[in-house]
């Protein structure tokens, strides 16, 4: 993601808004320190996308998963 100095952002606001409308995001910075991220309006907010079940049917968890390696762990910790 490209970074734009705040002065350049003010100077080229129309062009930057066109770029964002086309799907390109950018960061506005002042003295090299990021201040704001500009993203397309219709883009989902970060953290709102649900990933639960995205591997459904692609992996399987063994029934004894919670006991796997139990003997080795007991041996290592002297239980």
N, C-alpha and C. Protein backbone atom coordinates (compact mmCIF):
# COMPACT_ATOMS: atom_id res chain seq x y z
N UNK A 1 0.85 -1.17 0.00
CA UNK A 1 0.00 0.00 0.00
C UNK A 1 0.90 1.23 0.00
N UNK A 2 0.60 2.15 -0.88
CA UNK A 2 1.47 3.33 -0.98
C UNK A 2 1.15 4.35 0.10
N UNK A 3 2.14 5.15 0.43
CA UNK A 3 2.01 6.20 1.44
C UNK A 3 2.13 7.55 0.75
N UNK A 4 1.22 8.46 1.11
CA UNK A 4 1.19 9.79 0.52
C UNK A 4 1.35 10.81 1.64
N UNK A 5 2.26 11.77 1.45
CA UNK A 5 2.44 12.85 2.41
C UNK A 5 1.17 13.69 2.46
N UNK A 6 0.83 14.21 3.63
CA UNK A 6 -0.41 14.96 3.80
C UNK A 6 -0.49 16.17 2.86
N UNK A 7 0.63 16.83 2.62
CA UNK A 7 0.64 17.97 1.69
C UNK A 7 0.30 17.51 0.28
N UNK A 8 0.90 16.40 -0.17
CA UNK A 8 0.60 15.87 -1.49
C UNK A 8 -0.85 15.39 -1.58
N UNK A 9 -1.37 14.85 -0.49
CA UNK A 9 -2.77 14.40 -0.49
C UNK A 9 -3.71 15.59 -0.69
N UNK A 10 -3.41 16.71 -0.04
CA UNK A 10 -4.24 17.91 -0.23
C UNK A 10 -4.12 18.43 -1.66
N UNK A 11 -2.92 18.41 -2.19
CA UNK A 11 -2.68 18.93 -3.54
C UNK A 11 -3.34 18.06 -4.61
N UNK A 12 -3.34 16.76 -4.44
CA UNK A 12 -3.81 15.83 -5.46
C UNK A 12 -5.06 15.06 -5.01
N UNK A 13 -5.89 15.69 -4.20
CA UNK A 13 -7.04 14.99 -3.63
C UNK A 13 -7.96 14.38 -4.69
N UNK A 14 -8.28 15.12 -5.74
CA UNK A 14 -9.18 14.61 -6.78
C UNK A 14 -8.64 13.32 -7.40
N UNK A 15 -7.35 13.31 -7.75
CA UNK A 15 -6.75 12.13 -8.36
C UNK A 15 -6.74 10.97 -7.37
N UNK A 16 -6.42 11.25 -6.12
CA UNK A 16 -6.38 10.18 -5.11
C UNK A 16 -7.77 9.58 -4.88
N UNK A 17 -8.80 10.43 -4.88
CA UNK A 17 -10.16 9.92 -4.71
C UNK A 17 -10.54 9.04 -5.89
N UNK A 18 -10.13 9.41 -7.09
CA UNK A 18 -10.39 8.56 -8.26
C UNK A 18 -9.70 7.21 -8.12
N UNK A 19 -8.47 7.22 -7.64
CA UNK A 19 -7.73 5.97 -7.43
C UNK A 19 -8.43 5.08 -6.40
N UNK A 20 -8.91 5.70 -5.34
CA UNK A 20 -9.61 4.92 -4.30
C UNK A 20 -10.91 4.36 -4.86
N UNK A 21 -11.63 5.16 -5.64
CA UNK A 21 -12.87 4.68 -6.25
C UNK A 21 -12.61 3.50 -7.17
N UNK A 22 -11.41 3.44 -7.74
CA UNK A 22 -11.02 2.32 -8.62
C UNK A 22 -10.52 1.12 -7.82
N UNK A 23 -10.49 1.23 -6.48
CA UNK A 23 -10.12 0.09 -5.65
C UNK A 23 -8.75 0.16 -5.01
N UNK A 24 -8.01 1.23 -5.22
CA UNK A 24 -6.66 1.34 -4.66
C UNK A 24 -6.70 2.06 -3.31
N UNK A 25 -6.14 1.48 -2.31
CA UNK A 25 -6.06 2.09 -0.98
C UNK A 25 -4.72 2.78 -0.81
N UNK A 26 -4.64 3.73 0.11
CA UNK A 26 -3.36 4.37 0.41
C UNK A 26 -3.37 4.90 1.84
N UNK A 27 -2.18 5.27 2.31
CA UNK A 27 -2.01 5.78 3.67
C UNK A 27 -1.58 7.23 3.57
N UNK A 28 -2.18 8.09 4.41
CA UNK A 28 -1.76 9.48 4.51
C UNK A 28 -0.83 9.59 5.71
N UNK A 29 0.34 10.19 5.48
CA UNK A 29 1.35 10.31 6.54
C UNK A 29 1.76 11.76 6.71
N UNK A 30 2.20 12.08 7.91
CA UNK A 30 2.76 13.41 8.20
C UNK A 30 4.14 13.18 8.80
N UNK A 31 5.15 13.75 8.17
CA UNK A 31 6.54 13.58 8.59
C UNK A 31 6.91 12.10 8.65
N UNK A 32 6.36 11.30 7.71
CA UNK A 32 6.66 9.88 7.64
C UNK A 32 5.88 9.00 8.59
N UNK A 33 5.06 9.61 9.47
CA UNK A 33 4.28 8.83 10.43
C UNK A 33 2.86 8.63 9.88
N UNK A 34 2.42 7.38 9.72
CA UNK A 34 1.08 7.11 9.19
C UNK A 34 0.00 7.73 10.08
N UNK A 35 -0.95 8.41 9.44
CA UNK A 35 -2.05 9.04 10.18
C UNK A 35 -3.40 8.41 9.86
N UNK A 36 -3.61 8.07 8.58
CA UNK A 36 -4.92 7.56 8.16
C UNK A 36 -4.76 6.61 6.99
N UNK A 37 -5.65 5.63 6.93
CA UNK A 37 -5.71 4.72 5.79
C UNK A 37 -6.97 5.07 5.02
N UNK A 38 -6.84 5.28 3.73
CA UNK A 38 -7.98 5.60 2.89
C UNK A 38 -8.29 4.37 2.04
N UNK A 39 -9.52 3.86 2.17
CA UNK A 39 -9.94 2.64 1.48
C UNK A 39 -11.24 2.90 0.75
N UNK A 40 -11.55 2.10 -0.27
CA UNK A 40 -12.82 2.25 -0.97
C UNK A 40 -14.00 2.10 0.00
N UNK A 41 -15.05 2.87 -0.23
CA UNK A 41 -16.20 2.90 0.67
C UNK A 41 -16.90 1.54 0.77
N UNK A 42 -17.00 0.81 -0.34
CA UNK A 42 -17.73 -0.46 -0.34
C UNK A 42 -16.91 -1.64 0.14
N UNK A 43 -15.67 -1.41 0.52
CA UNK A 43 -14.81 -2.46 1.05
C UNK A 43 -15.24 -2.80 2.47
N UNK A 44 -15.35 -4.09 2.82
CA UNK A 44 -15.73 -4.44 4.19
C UNK A 44 -14.69 -3.96 5.19
N UNK A 45 -15.14 -3.49 6.33
CA UNK A 45 -14.23 -3.03 7.38
C UNK A 45 -13.37 -4.21 7.85
N UNK A 46 -12.12 -3.93 8.20
CA UNK A 46 -11.24 -5.00 8.66
C UNK A 46 -11.79 -5.61 9.94
N UNK A 47 -11.68 -6.92 10.02
CA UNK A 47 -12.15 -7.62 11.20
C UNK A 47 -13.62 -8.02 11.13
N UNK A 48 -14.34 -7.60 10.09
CA UNK A 48 -15.76 -7.95 9.99
C UNK A 48 -15.98 -9.20 9.16
N UNK A 49 -14.95 -9.66 8.45
CA UNK A 49 -15.08 -10.84 7.64
C UNK A 49 -14.99 -12.07 8.51
N UNK A 50 -15.95 -12.96 8.37
CA UNK A 50 -15.96 -14.18 9.18
C UNK A 50 -15.18 -15.27 8.47
N UNK A 51 -14.27 -15.91 9.19
CA UNK A 51 -13.48 -17.00 8.61
C UNK A 51 -13.86 -18.33 9.22
N UNK A 52 -14.87 -18.35 10.06
CA UNK A 52 -15.30 -19.60 10.68
C UNK A 52 -15.81 -20.54 9.60
N UNK A 53 -15.30 -21.74 9.59
CA UNK A 53 -15.75 -22.75 8.65
C UNK A 53 -15.11 -22.68 7.28
N UNK A 54 -14.08 -21.86 7.09
CA UNK A 54 -13.49 -21.72 5.77
C UNK A 54 -12.77 -22.99 5.30
N UNK A 55 -12.43 -23.90 6.20
CA UNK A 55 -11.81 -25.17 5.81
C UNK A 55 -12.77 -26.35 5.98
N UNK A 56 -14.05 -26.06 6.07
CA UNK A 56 -15.05 -27.10 6.27
C UNK A 56 -14.95 -28.18 5.20
N UNK A 57 -14.79 -29.41 5.64
CA UNK A 57 -14.69 -30.54 4.72
C UNK A 57 -13.30 -30.77 4.15
N UNK A 58 -12.35 -29.90 4.44
CA UNK A 58 -11.00 -30.04 3.89
C UNK A 58 -10.03 -30.67 4.88
N UNK A 59 -10.34 -30.62 6.16
CA UNK A 59 -9.48 -31.23 7.17
C UNK A 59 -10.35 -32.02 8.13
N UNK A 60 -9.72 -32.90 8.87
CA UNK A 60 -10.46 -33.64 9.91
C UNK A 60 -9.60 -33.69 11.17
N UNK A 61 -10.26 -33.62 12.30
CA UNK A 61 -9.58 -33.65 13.59
C UNK A 61 -9.83 -35.03 14.20
N UNK A 62 -8.78 -35.76 14.56
CA UNK A 62 -8.96 -37.09 15.14
C UNK A 62 -9.74 -37.01 16.45
N UNK A 63 -10.48 -38.08 16.75
CA UNK A 63 -11.25 -38.13 17.99
C UNK A 63 -10.36 -38.04 19.23
N UNK A 64 -9.13 -38.54 19.14
CA UNK A 64 -8.22 -38.52 20.29
C UNK A 64 -7.28 -37.31 20.27
N UNK A 65 -7.66 -36.25 19.61
CA UNK A 65 -6.81 -35.07 19.47
C UNK A 65 -6.34 -34.54 20.82
N UNK A 66 -7.23 -34.50 21.80
CA UNK A 66 -6.87 -33.95 23.11
C UNK A 66 -5.97 -34.88 23.91
N UNK A 67 -5.74 -36.10 23.42
CA UNK A 67 -4.87 -37.04 24.13
C UNK A 67 -3.61 -37.37 23.33
N UNK A 68 -3.45 -36.77 22.16
CA UNK A 68 -2.28 -37.07 21.31
C UNK A 68 -1.00 -36.67 22.03
N UNK A 69 -0.04 -37.57 22.06
CA UNK A 69 1.25 -37.30 22.69
C UNK A 69 1.21 -37.32 24.21
N UNK A 70 0.12 -37.78 24.79
CA UNK A 70 -0.05 -37.75 26.24
C UNK A 70 1.05 -38.54 26.96
N UNK A 71 1.39 -39.72 26.45
CA UNK A 71 2.43 -40.53 27.10
C UNK A 71 3.78 -39.81 27.08
N UNK A 72 4.13 -39.21 25.95
CA UNK A 72 5.40 -38.50 25.85
C UNK A 72 5.43 -37.29 26.78
N UNK A 73 4.33 -36.57 26.86
CA UNK A 73 4.26 -35.40 27.73
C UNK A 73 4.39 -35.82 29.20
N UNK A 74 3.71 -36.89 29.57
CA UNK A 74 3.81 -37.39 30.95
C UNK A 74 5.24 -37.83 31.25
N UNK A 75 5.89 -38.45 30.29
CA UNK A 75 7.27 -38.89 30.48
C UNK A 75 8.21 -37.67 30.65
N UNK A 76 8.04 -36.66 29.80
CA UNK A 76 8.89 -35.49 29.84
C UNK A 76 8.73 -34.70 31.15
N UNK A 77 7.52 -34.65 31.68
CA UNK A 77 7.26 -33.87 32.89
C UNK A 77 7.19 -34.72 34.15
N UNK A 78 7.47 -36.00 34.00
CA UNK A 78 7.53 -36.89 35.16
C UNK A 78 6.20 -37.04 35.88
N UNK A 79 5.13 -37.04 35.15
CA UNK A 79 3.80 -37.19 35.76
C UNK A 79 3.51 -38.62 36.02
